[in-house]
Amino acid sequence: MEKHMIRYAKSQGFAIPQMNINGLIWIEGVLQAAENMQSPIIIGTTDKNIAYLGGYKFILQTIKNKITAMGITVPVSIHLDHGLTVEGCKQAVDAGYDSVMFDGSKLPIEENIRQTKEVVEYAHAHGVIVEGEVGAVGGVEDGLVGQVKYADIDECVALVQQTHLDTLAPALGSVHGKYKGEPNLGFAEMEAIGSKVDVPLVLHGASGIPNADLQRAIQLGHAKINFNTEINISWSNQLRKTLNESTELFNPQEILKPSIQAIITIAEKIIQTCGSENKNTAFIKNR
């Protein structure tokens, strides 16, 4: 399903937002926002957080249970973000994930190609799509640490052509976590890569990038955009506000309820920025 979602988004000039989860309330908030906005959605689980969240099978079943309990009608895809090992990607495939990302960006390109190809062959045999990465997204988030390294165009072409992956994340100036200074995206590089590969592009580290830049990236072939920090900041700000203003409050549900609404509110804004609002019906008719 996700492959069709992303390819349809690219053909129509919008992007499917991927929102990473850090616990049950993120699942609830993201799903509710997607349903409110009638937007297809990708729920991401970062490799570094898998053990914390209970393992691949537990995460997958929890999300599916929430989808059923909440009566969610929009398309939802479950994705392994920044899979750091071939074995981890295979475990996610076996658990029932819809897509996996193998992040071989820190490897020499020949090794990145070799390991990505192994993931692709295994995933495709199980009907699961694969995202690959070239270059390095900077910053720190979910235990991932990196310095910005722009993707090499020839390496992007080689990775796509030799592995037959489904989507490509070329690092072009975005960062995980909070930006220090202003974002500096490589739009010329985006255009060049988009003209040479026939797969949709993925933008990581979108939190903090101005809306105009995100929309320009969409027009240059990015059909999936990943968000995490922006959501976590909104959640933590509201949680802190609730605790500071209501010092006698101790009921967990009452403490967390406003922070869940904060997740819903920011997720709805992200959906609007990506242009995926009210695309549920259109996607179903055209898949």
C-alpha atoms as a PDB file:
ATOM      1  CA  MET A   1       0.000   0.000   0.000  1.00  0.00           C
ATOM      2  CA  GLU A   2       2.697   2.501   0.948  1.00  0.00           C
ATOM      3  CA  LYS A   3       4.405   2.298  -2.462  1.00  0.00           C
ATOM      4  CA  HIS A   4       1.142   3.263  -4.140  1.00  0.00           C
ATOM      5  CA  MET A   5       0.568   6.040  -1.591  1.00  0.00           C
ATOM      6  CA  ILE A   6       3.952   7.616  -2.218  1.00  0.00           C
ATOM      7  CA  ARG A   7       3.921   7.239  -5.995  1.00  0.00           C
ATOM      8  CA  TYR A   8       0.417   8.711  -6.150  1.00  0.00           C
ATOM      9  CA  ALA A   9       1.536  11.619  -3.959  1.00  0.00           C
ATOM     10  CA  LYS A  10       4.477  12.306  -6.276  1.00  0.00           C
ATOM     11  CA  SER A  11       2.242  12.248  -9.342  1.00  0.00           C
ATOM     12  CA  GLN A  12      -0.141  14.741  -7.706  1.00  0.00           C
ATOM     13  CA  GLY A  13       2.466  17.106  -6.249  1.00  0.00           C
ATOM     14  CA  PHE A  14       2.018  16.496  -2.528  1.00  0.00           C
ATOM     15  CA  ALA A  15       3.840  14.453   0.124  1.00  0.00           C
ATOM     16  CA  ILE A  16       2.806  11.770   2.597  1.00  0.00           C
ATOM     17  CA  PRO A  17       3.947  12.800   6.088  1.00  0.00           C
ATOM     18  CA  GLN A  18       5.810  10.258   8.185  1.00  0.00           C
ATOM     19  CA  MET A  19       5.465  10.949  11.885  1.00  0.00           C
ATOM     20  CA  ASN A  20       7.660   9.029  14.302  1.00  0.00           C
ATOM     21  CA  ILE A  21       6.188   7.687  17.516  1.00  0.00           C
ATOM     22  CA  ASN A  22       7.693   7.555  20.995  1.00  0.00           C
ATOM     23  CA  GLY A  23       4.875   5.849  22.880  1.00  0.00           C
ATOM     24  CA  LEU A  24       1.150   5.091  22.905  1.00  0.00           C
ATOM     25  CA  ILE A  25      -0.023   8.695  23.047  1.00  0.00           C
ATOM     26  CA  TRP A  26       1.916   9.516  19.876  1.00  0.00           C
ATOM     27  CA  ILE A  27       0.094   6.710  18.090  1.00  0.00           C
ATOM     28  CA  GLU A  28      -3.260   8.046  19.270  1.00  0.00           C
ATOM     29  CA  GLY A  29      -2.448  11.665  18.448  1.00  0.00           C
ATOM     30  CA  VAL A  30      -1.047  11.002  14.973  1.00  0.00           C
ATOM     31  CA  LEU A  31      -3.887   8.667  14.004  1.00  0.00           C
ATOM     32  CA  GLN A  32      -6.520  11.125  15.207  1.00  0.00           C
ATOM     33  CA  ALA A  33      -4.933  13.976  13.268  1.00  0.00           C
ATOM     34  CA  ALA A  34      -4.792  11.882  10.091  1.00  0.00           C
ATOM     35  CA  GLU A  35      -8.440  10.896  10.495  1.00  0.00           C
ATOM     36  CA  ASN A  36      -9.486  14.486  11.223  1.00  0.00           C
ATOM     37  CA  MET A  37      -7.691  15.702   8.095  1.00  0.00           C
ATOM     38  CA  GLN A  38      -8.556  12.648   5.959  1.00  0.00           C
ATOM     39  CA  SER A  39      -4.886  12.201   5.131  1.00  0.00           C
ATOM     40  CA  PRO A  40      -2.903   9.057   4.381  1.00  0.00           C
ATOM     41  CA  ILE A  41      -0.191   8.715   7.025  1.00  0.00           C
ATOM     42  CA  ILE A  42       3.034   6.818   7.647  1.00  0.00           C
ATOM     43  CA  ILE A  43       3.848   5.956  11.256  1.00  0.00           C
ATOM     44  CA  GLY A  44       7.594   5.640  11.756  1.00  0.00           C
ATOM     45  CA  THR A  45       9.470   3.738  14.446  1.00  0.00           C
ATOM     46  CA  THR A  46      13.168   4.557  14.633  1.00  0.00           C
ATOM     47  CA  ASP A  47      15.541   1.595  14.878  1.00  0.00           C
ATOM     48  CA  LYS A  48      17.090   3.019  18.058  1.00  0.00           C
ATOM     49  CA  ASN A  49      13.662   3.063  19.764  1.00  0.00           C
ATOM     50  CA  ILE A  50      12.479  -0.448  18.874  1.00  0.00           C
ATOM     51  CA  ALA A  51      13.554  -2.093  22.143  1.00  0.00           C
ATOM     52  CA  TYR A  52      12.174   0.819  24.199  1.00  0.00           C
ATOM     53  CA  LEU A  53       8.807   0.535  22.462  1.00  0.00           C
ATOM     54  CA  GLY A  54       8.552  -3.229  23.035  1.00  0.00           C
ATOM     55  CA  GLY A  55       9.916  -4.822  19.874  1.00  0.00           C
ATOM     56  CA  TYR A  56       8.738  -5.046  16.282  1.00  0.00           C
ATOM     57  CA  LYS A  57       5.755  -7.351  16.802  1.00  0.00           C
ATOM     58  CA  PHE A  58       4.466  -5.509  19.859  1.00  0.00           C
ATOM     59  CA  ILE A  59       4.732  -2.125  18.132  1.00  0.00           C
ATOM     60  CA  LEU A  60       3.004  -3.340  14.988  1.00  0.00           C
ATOM     61  CA  GLN A  61       0.138  -4.998  16.849  1.00  0.00           C
ATOM     62  CA  THR A  62      -0.327  -2.001  19.156  1.00  0.00           C
ATOM     63  CA  ILE A  63      -0.672   0.345  16.190  1.00  0.00           C
ATOM     64  CA  LYS A  64      -3.105  -2.011  14.459  1.00  0.00           C
ATOM     65  CA  ASN A  65      -5.152  -2.376  17.631  1.00  0.00           C
ATOM     66  CA  LYS A  66      -5.356   1.411  17.941  1.00  0.00           C
ATOM     67  CA  ILE A  67      -6.419   1.740  14.306  1.00  0.00           C
ATOM     68  CA  THR A  68      -9.284  -0.677  14.963  1.00  0.00           C
ATOM     69  CA  ALA A  69     -10.280   0.774  18.331  1.00  0.00           C
ATOM     70  CA  MET A  70     -10.328   4.338  16.994  1.00  0.00           C
ATOM     71  CA  GLY A  71     -12.209   3.434  13.816  1.00  0.00           C
ATOM     72  CA  ILE A  72      -9.513   4.913  11.590  1.00  0.00           C
ATOM     73  CA  THR A  73     -10.533   4.948   7.914  1.00  0.00           C
ATOM     74  CA  VAL A  74      -7.502   6.585   6.269  1.00  0.00           C
ATOM     75  CA  PRO A  75      -4.602   4.539   4.851  1.00  0.00           C
ATOM     76  CA  VAL A  76      -1.934   3.938   7.516  1.00  0.00           C
ATOM     77  CA  SER A  77       1.487   2.489   6.743  1.00  0.00           C
ATOM     78  CA  ILE A  78       3.927   1.284   9.416  1.00  0.00           C
ATOM     79  CA  HIS A  79       7.587   1.963   8.686  1.00  0.00           C
ATOM     80  CA  LEU A  80      10.966   1.103  10.199  1.00  0.00           C
ATOM     81  CA  ASP A  81      12.979   4.327  10.173  1.00  0.00           C
ATOM     82  CA  HIS A  82      16.798   4.264   9.978  1.00  0.00           C
ATOM     83  CA  GLY A  83      17.202   0.516  10.128  1.00  0.00           C
ATOM     84  CA  LEU A  84      20.880   0.150  10.924  1.00  0.00           C
ATOM     85  CA  THR A  85      21.328  -3.561  10.214  1.00  0.00           C
ATOM     86  CA  VAL A  86      20.174  -5.965   7.543  1.00  0.00           C
ATOM     87  CA  GLU A  87      18.990  -8.344  10.254  1.00  0.00           C
ATOM     88  CA  GLY A  88      16.908  -5.654  11.953  1.00  0.00           C
ATOM     89  CA  CYS A  89      15.206  -4.811   8.668  1.00  0.00           C
ATOM     90  CA  LYS A  90      14.421  -8.484   8.097  1.00  0.00           C
ATOM     91  CA  GLN A  91      12.926  -8.743  11.592  1.00  0.00           C
ATOM     92  CA  ALA A  92      10.656  -5.791  10.840  1.00  0.00           C
ATOM     93  CA  VAL A  93       9.599  -7.439   7.577  1.00  0.00           C
ATOM     94  CA  ASP A  94       8.864 -10.700   9.407  1.00  0.00           C
ATOM     95  CA  ALA A  95       6.840  -8.805  12.027  1.00  0.00           C
ATOM     96  CA  GLY A  96       4.582  -7.388   9.303  1.00  0.00           C
ATOM     97  CA  TYR A  97       5.879  -3.861   8.723  1.00  0.00           C
ATOM     98  CA  ASP A  98       4.729  -2.252   5.465  1.00  0.00           C
ATOM     99  CA  SER A  99       8.121  -0.701   4.705  1.00  0.00           C
ATOM    100  CA  VAL A 100      11.662  -0.536   6.014  1.00  0.00           C
ATOM    101  CA  MET A 101      14.506   1.898   5.613  1.00  0.00           C
ATOM    102  CA  PHE A 102      18.010   0.508   5.484  1.00  0.00           C
ATOM    103  CA  ASP A 103      20.370   3.316   6.444  1.00  0.00           C
ATOM    104  CA  GLY A 104      23.728   2.429   4.942  1.00  0.00           C
ATOM    105  CA  SER A 105      24.714   6.063   4.559  1.00  0.00           C
ATOM    106  CA  LYS A 106      27.750   5.738   6.828  1.00  0.00           C
ATOM    107  CA  LEU A 107      29.103   2.830   4.767  1.00  0.00           C
ATOM    108  CA  PRO A 108      31.270   3.064   1.634  1.00  0.00           C
ATOM    109  CA  ILE A 109      28.894   3.210  -1.325  1.00  0.00           C
ATOM    110  CA  GLU A 110      29.804  -0.301  -2.504  1.00  0.00           C
ATOM    111  CA  GLU A 111      28.872  -1.751   0.896  1.00  0.00           C
ATOM    112  CA  ASN A 112      25.767   0.419   1.114  1.00  0.00           C
ATOM    113  CA  ILE A 113      24.676  -1.017  -2.233  1.00  0.00           C
ATOM    114  CA  ARG A 114      25.445  -4.595  -1.209  1.00  0.00           C
ATOM    115  CA  GLN A 115      23.544  -4.484   2.068  1.00  0.00           C
ATOM    116  CA  THR A 116      20.642  -2.423   0.689  1.00  0.00           C
ATOM    117  CA  LYS A 117      20.257  -4.956  -2.126  1.00  0.00           C
ATOM    118  CA  GLU A 118      20.068  -7.787   0.414  1.00  0.00           C
ATOM    119  CA  VAL A 119      17.311  -5.943   2.293  1.00  0.00           C
ATOM    120  CA  VAL A 120      15.434  -5.178  -0.938  1.00  0.00           C
ATOM    121  CA  GLU A 121      15.493  -8.784  -2.124  1.00  0.00           C
ATOM    122  CA  TYR A 122      14.182 -10.047   1.222  1.00  0.00           C
ATOM    123  CA  ALA A 123      11.585  -7.287   1.642  1.00  0.00           C
ATOM    124  CA  HIS A 124      10.231  -7.470  -1.911  1.00  0.00           C
ATOM    125  CA  ALA A 125       9.782 -11.228  -1.563  1.00  0.00           C
ATOM    126  CA  HIS A 126       7.403 -10.405   1.312  1.00  0.00           C
ATOM    127  CA  GLY A 127       5.626  -7.492  -0.374  1.00  0.00           C
ATOM    128  CA  VAL A 128       7.441  -4.858   1.702  1.00  0.00           C
ATOM    129  CA  ILE A 129       8.975  -1.725   0.201  1.00  0.00           C
ATOM    130  CA  VAL A 130      12.441  -0.352   0.963  1.00  0.00           C
ATOM    131  CA  GLU A 131      13.914   3.118   1.414  1.00  0.00           C
ATOM    132  CA  GLY A 132      17.640   3.742   1.077  1.00  0.00           C
ATOM    133  CA  GLU A 133      19.877   6.671   1.968  1.00  0.00           C
ATOM    134  CA  VAL A 134      22.929   8.385   0.516  1.00  0.00           C
ATOM    135  CA  GLY A 135      24.840  11.139   2.300  1.00  0.00           C
ATOM    136  CA  ALA A 136      24.320  12.013   5.946  1.00  0.00           C
ATOM    137  CA  VAL A 137      21.558  13.900   7.732  1.00  0.00           C
ATOM    138  CA  GLY A 138      23.150  15.936  10.522  1.00  0.00           C
ATOM    139  CA  GLY A 139      22.061  16.570  14.102  1.00  0.00           C
ATOM    140  CA  VAL A 140      20.988  14.342  16.987  1.00  0.00           C
ATOM    141  CA  GLU A 141      17.632  12.602  17.354  1.00  0.00           C
ATOM    142  CA  ASP A 142      16.458   9.274  18.812  1.00  0.00           C
ATOM    143  CA  GLY A 143      20.065   8.297  19.469  1.00  0.00           C
ATOM    144  CA  LEU A 144      21.124   9.047  15.891  1.00  0.00           C
ATOM    145  CA  VAL A 145      24.141  11.329  15.611  1.00  0.00           C
ATOM    146  CA  GLY A 146      25.539  12.682  12.366  1.00  0.00           C
ATOM    147  CA  GLN A 147      27.254  15.508  10.547  1.00  0.00           C
ATOM    148  CA  VAL A 148      25.694  16.881   7.379  1.00  0.00           C
ATOM    149  CA  LYS A 149      27.140  15.282   4.243  1.00  0.00           C
ATOM    150  CA  TYR A 150      25.473  16.080   0.932  1.00  0.00           C
ATOM    151  CA  ALA A 151      24.495  13.097  -1.197  1.00  0.00           C
ATOM    152  CA  ASP A 152      26.610  12.415  -4.264  1.00  0.00           C
ATOM    153  CA  ILE A 153      24.440  12.298  -7.388  1.00  0.00           C
ATOM    154  CA  ASP A 154      26.298   9.399  -8.994  1.00  0.00           C
ATOM    155  CA  GLU A 155      26.047   7.392  -5.775  1.00  0.00           C
ATOM    156  CA  CYS A 156      22.290   8.041  -5.650  1.00  0.00           C
ATOM    157  CA  VAL A 157      21.890   6.742  -9.198  1.00  0.00           C
ATOM    158  CA  ALA A 158      24.033   3.677  -8.449  1.00  0.00           C
ATOM    159  CA  LEU A 159      22.093   2.822  -5.282  1.00  0.00           C
ATOM    160  CA  VAL A 160      18.730   3.060  -7.021  1.00  0.00           C
ATOM    161  CA  GLN A 161      19.720   1.210 -10.184  1.00  0.00           C
ATOM    162  CA  GLN A 162      21.711  -1.587  -8.559  1.00  0.00           C
ATOM    163  CA  THR A 163      19.368  -2.353  -5.660  1.00  0.00           C
ATOM    164  CA  HIS A 164      15.916  -1.616  -7.149  1.00  0.00           C
ATOM    165  CA  LEU A 165      14.813   0.117  -3.940  1.00  0.00           C
ATOM    166  CA  ASP A 166      11.461   1.934  -3.870  1.00  0.00           C
ATOM    167  CA  THR A 167      12.267   5.329  -2.360  1.00  0.00           C
ATOM    168  CA  LEU A 168      15.495   7.282  -1.869  1.00  0.00           C
ATOM    169  CA  ALA A 169      16.498   9.629   0.944  1.00  0.00           C
ATOM    170  CA  PRO A 170      19.344  11.785  -0.391  1.00  0.00           C
ATOM    171  CA  ALA A 171      20.816  13.912   2.406  1.00  0.00           C
ATOM    172  CA  LEU A 172      20.786  17.486   1.132  1.00  0.00           C
ATOM    173  CA  GLY A 173      21.262  19.761   4.118  1.00  0.00           C
ATOM    174  CA  SER A 174      18.498  18.778   6.534  1.00  0.00           C
ATOM    175  CA  VAL A 175      19.230  17.745  10.130  1.00  0.00           C
ATOM    176  CA  HIS A 176      17.672  15.609  12.839  1.00  0.00           C
ATOM    177  CA  GLY A 177      16.674  17.476  15.975  1.00  0.00           C
ATOM    178  CA  LYS A 178      16.775  21.260  16.366  1.00  0.00           C
ATOM    179  CA  TYR A 179      18.480  23.432  13.774  1.00  0.00           C
ATOM    180  CA  LYS A 180      21.386  25.629  14.803  1.00  0.00           C
ATOM    181  CA  GLY A 181      21.033  28.597  12.502  1.00  0.00           C
ATOM    182  CA  GLU A 182      18.974  28.487   9.320  1.00  0.00           C
ATOM    183  CA  PRO A 183      18.345  25.350   7.220  1.00  0.00           C
ATOM    184  CA  ASN A 184      20.338  25.263   3.987  1.00  0.00           C
ATOM    185  CA  LEU A 185      18.745  22.761   1.638  1.00  0.00           C
ATOM    186  CA  GLY A 186      20.435  21.879  -1.646  1.00  0.00           C
ATOM    187  CA  PHE A 187      17.627  22.564  -4.094  1.00  0.00           C
ATOM    188  CA  ALA A 188      19.889  22.394  -7.144  1.00  0.00           C
ATOM    189  CA  GLU A 189      21.063  18.965  -6.026  1.00  0.00           C
ATOM    190  CA  MET A 190      17.465  17.887  -5.424  1.00  0.00           C
ATOM    191  CA  GLU A 191      16.530  18.838  -8.954  1.00  0.00           C
ATOM    192  CA  ALA A 192      19.544  17.045 -10.420  1.00  0.00           C
ATOM    193  CA  ILE A 193      18.915  13.842  -8.460  1.00  0.00           C
ATOM    194  CA  GLY A 194      15.193  13.915  -9.207  1.00  0.00           C
ATOM    195  CA  SER A 195      15.938  14.110 -12.923  1.00  0.00           C
ATOM    196  CA  LYS A 196      18.214  11.057 -12.822  1.00  0.00           C
ATOM    197  CA  VAL A 197      16.304   8.583 -10.637  1.00  0.00           C
ATOM    198  CA  ASP A 198      12.775   7.339 -11.189  1.00  0.00           C
ATOM    199  CA  VAL A 199      11.830   6.756  -7.558  1.00  0.00           C
ATOM    200  CA  PRO A 200      10.162   9.196  -5.146  1.00  0.00           C
ATOM    201  CA  LEU A 201      12.508  11.094  -2.834  1.00  0.00           C
ATOM    202  CA  VAL A 202      12.258  11.230   0.970  1.00  0.00           C
ATOM    203  CA  LEU A 203      13.199  14.209   3.139  1.00  0.00           C
ATOM    204  CA  HIS A 204      14.453  13.474   6.651  1.00  0.00           C
ATOM    205  CA  GLY A 205      14.789  16.044   9.438  1.00  0.00           C
ATOM    206  CA  ALA A 206      11.931  18.246   8.245  1.00  0.00           C
ATOM    207  CA  SER A 207      11.136  19.791  11.645  1.00  0.00           C
ATOM    208  CA  GLY A 208      12.242  23.415  11.609  1.00  0.00           C
ATOM    209  CA  ILE A 209      12.392  23.785   7.830  1.00  0.00           C
ATOM    210  CA  PRO A 210      10.229  26.698   6.599  1.00  0.00           C
ATOM    211  CA  ASN A 211       7.003  25.685   4.882  1.00  0.00           C
ATOM    212  CA  ALA A 212       8.049  27.348   1.641  1.00  0.00           C
ATOM    213  CA  ASP A 213      11.216  25.234   1.525  1.00  0.00           C
ATOM    214  CA  LEU A 214       9.266  22.054   2.248  1.00  0.00           C
ATOM    215  CA  GLN A 215       6.815  22.809  -0.518  1.00  0.00           C
ATOM    216  CA  ARG A 216       9.665  23.497  -2.923  1.00  0.00           C
ATOM    217  CA  ALA A 217      11.212  20.145  -1.970  1.00  0.00           C
ATOM    218  CA  ILE A 218       7.874  18.482  -2.726  1.00  0.00           C
ATOM    219  CA  GLN A 219       7.808  20.046  -6.165  1.00  0.00           C
ATOM    220  CA  LEU A 220      11.322  18.681  -6.745  1.00  0.00           C
ATOM    221  CA  GLY A 221      10.271  15.089  -6.170  1.00  0.00           C
ATOM    222  CA  HIS A 222       9.985  14.566  -2.404  1.00  0.00           C
ATOM    223  CA  ALA A 223       6.806  12.552  -1.897  1.00  0.00           C
ATOM    224  CA  LYS A 224       7.479  11.513   1.719  1.00  0.00           C
ATOM    225  CA  ILE A 225       8.611  13.877   4.480  1.00  0.00           C
ATOM    226  CA  ASN A 226       9.629  12.787   7.987  1.00  0.00           C
ATOM    227  CA  PHE A 227       8.778  14.633  11.210  1.00  0.00           C
ATOM    228  CA  ASN A 228       9.652  13.939  14.841  1.00  0.00           C
ATOM    229  CA  THR A 229      11.300  16.801  16.759  1.00  0.00           C
ATOM    230  CA  GLU A 230       8.587  19.330  15.953  1.00  0.00           C
ATOM    231  CA  ILE A 231       5.959  17.009  17.399  1.00  0.00           C
ATOM    232  CA  ASN A 232       8.010  16.196  20.491  1.00  0.00           C
ATOM    233  CA  ILE A 233       8.611  19.874  21.226  1.00  0.00           C
ATOM    234  CA  SER A 234       4.874  20.644  21.069  1.00  0.00           C
ATOM    235  CA  TRP A 235       4.090  17.643  23.275  1.00  0.00           C
ATOM    236  CA  SER A 236       6.735  18.453  25.893  1.00  0.00           C
ATOM    237  CA  ASN A 237       5.860  22.160  26.005  1.00  0.00           C
ATOM    238  CA  GLN A 238       2.210  21.365  26.718  1.00  0.00           C
ATOM    239  CA  LEU A 239       3.049  18.681  29.277  1.00  0.00           C
ATOM    240  CA  ARG A 240       5.361  21.086  31.092  1.00  0.00           C
ATOM    241  CA  LYS A 241       2.671  23.792  31.009  1.00  0.00           C
ATOM    242  CA  THR A 242       0.027  21.439  32.427  1.00  0.00           C
ATOM    243  CA  LEU A 243       2.255  20.300  35.291  1.00  0.00           C
ATOM    244  CA  ASN A 244       3.361  23.841  36.146  1.00  0.00           C
ATOM    245  CA  GLU A 245      -0.166  25.253  36.094  1.00  0.00           C
ATOM    246  CA  SER A 246      -1.850  22.343  37.898  1.00  0.00           C
ATOM    247  CA  THR A 247       0.573  21.346  40.624  1.00  0.00           C
ATOM    248  CA  GLU A 248      -2.070  19.319  42.519  1.00  0.00           C
ATOM    249  CA  LEU A 249      -3.002  17.244  39.478  1.00  0.00           C
ATOM    250  CA  PHE A 250      -1.923  13.606  39.694  1.00  0.00           C
ATOM    251  CA  ASN A 251      -4.367  11.665  37.491  1.00  0.00           C
ATOM    252  CA  PRO A 252      -2.262  10.426  34.531  1.00  0.00           C
ATOM    253  CA  GLN A 253      -5.077  10.693  32.003  1.00  0.00           C
ATOM    254  CA  GLU A 254      -5.826  14.290  32.952  1.00  0.00           C
ATOM    255  CA  ILE A 255      -2.137  15.197  32.850  1.00  0.00           C
ATOM    256  CA  LEU A 256      -1.578  13.622  29.436  1.00  0.00           C
ATOM    257  CA  LYS A 257      -4.816  14.640  27.720  1.00  0.00           C
ATOM    258  CA  PRO A 258      -3.705  18.202  26.807  1.00  0.00           C
ATOM    259  CA  SER A 259      -0.364  16.918  25.531  1.00  0.00           C
ATOM    260  CA  ILE A 260      -2.146  14.443  23.240  1.00  0.00           C
ATOM    261  CA  GLN A 261      -4.170  17.350  21.872  1.00  0.00           C
ATOM    262  CA  ALA A 262      -0.887  19.185  21.284  1.00  0.00           C
ATOM    263  CA  ILE A 263       0.296  16.234  19.166  1.00  0.00           C
ATOM    264  CA  ILE A 264      -2.974  16.297  17.220  1.00  0.00           C
ATOM    265  CA  THR A 265      -2.743  20.035  16.597  1.00  0.00           C
ATOM    266  CA  ILE A 266       0.851  20.024  15.323  1.00  0.00           C
ATOM    267  CA  ALA A 267       0.250  16.869  13.277  1.00  0.00           C
ATOM    268  CA  GLU A 268      -2.698  18.551  11.546  1.00  0.00           C
ATOM    269  CA  LYS A 269      -0.475  21.515  10.656  1.00  0.00           C
ATOM    270  CA  ILE A 270       2.159  19.149   9.252  1.00  0.00           C
ATOM    271  CA  ILE A 271      -0.477  17.438   7.104  1.00  0.00           C
ATOM    272  CA  GLN A 272      -1.541  20.809   5.714  1.00  0.00           C
ATOM    273  CA  THR A 273       2.065  21.700   4.916  1.00  0.00           C
ATOM    274  CA  CYS A 274       2.559  18.406   3.066  1.00  0.00           C
ATOM    275  CA  GLY A 275      -0.626  18.965   1.082  1.00  0.00           C
ATOM    276  CA  SER A 276      -2.069  15.545   1.986  1.00  0.00           C
ATOM    277  CA  GLU A 277      -5.269  16.875   3.561  1.00  0.00           C
ATOM    278  CA  ASN A 278      -8.440  15.335   2.084  1.00  0.00           C
ATOM    279  CA  LYS A 279      -6.387  12.962  -0.090  1.00  0.00           C
ATOM    280  CA  ASN A 280      -7.921   9.823   1.465  1.00  0.00           C
ATOM    281  CA  THR A 281     -10.763   9.473  -1.052  1.00  0.00           C
ATOM    282  CA  ALA A 282      -8.572  10.463  -3.990  1.00  0.00           C
ATOM    283  CA  PHE A 283      -5.953   7.883  -3.025  1.00  0.00           C
ATOM    284  CA  ILE A 284      -8.493   5.068  -2.621  1.00  0.00           C
ATOM    285  CA  LYS A 285     -10.010   5.828  -6.054  1.00  0.00           C
ATOM    286  CA  ASN A 286      -6.654   5.902  -7.811  1.00  0.00           C
ATOM    287  CA  ARG A 287      -4.660   3.088  -6.198  1.00  0.00           C
END
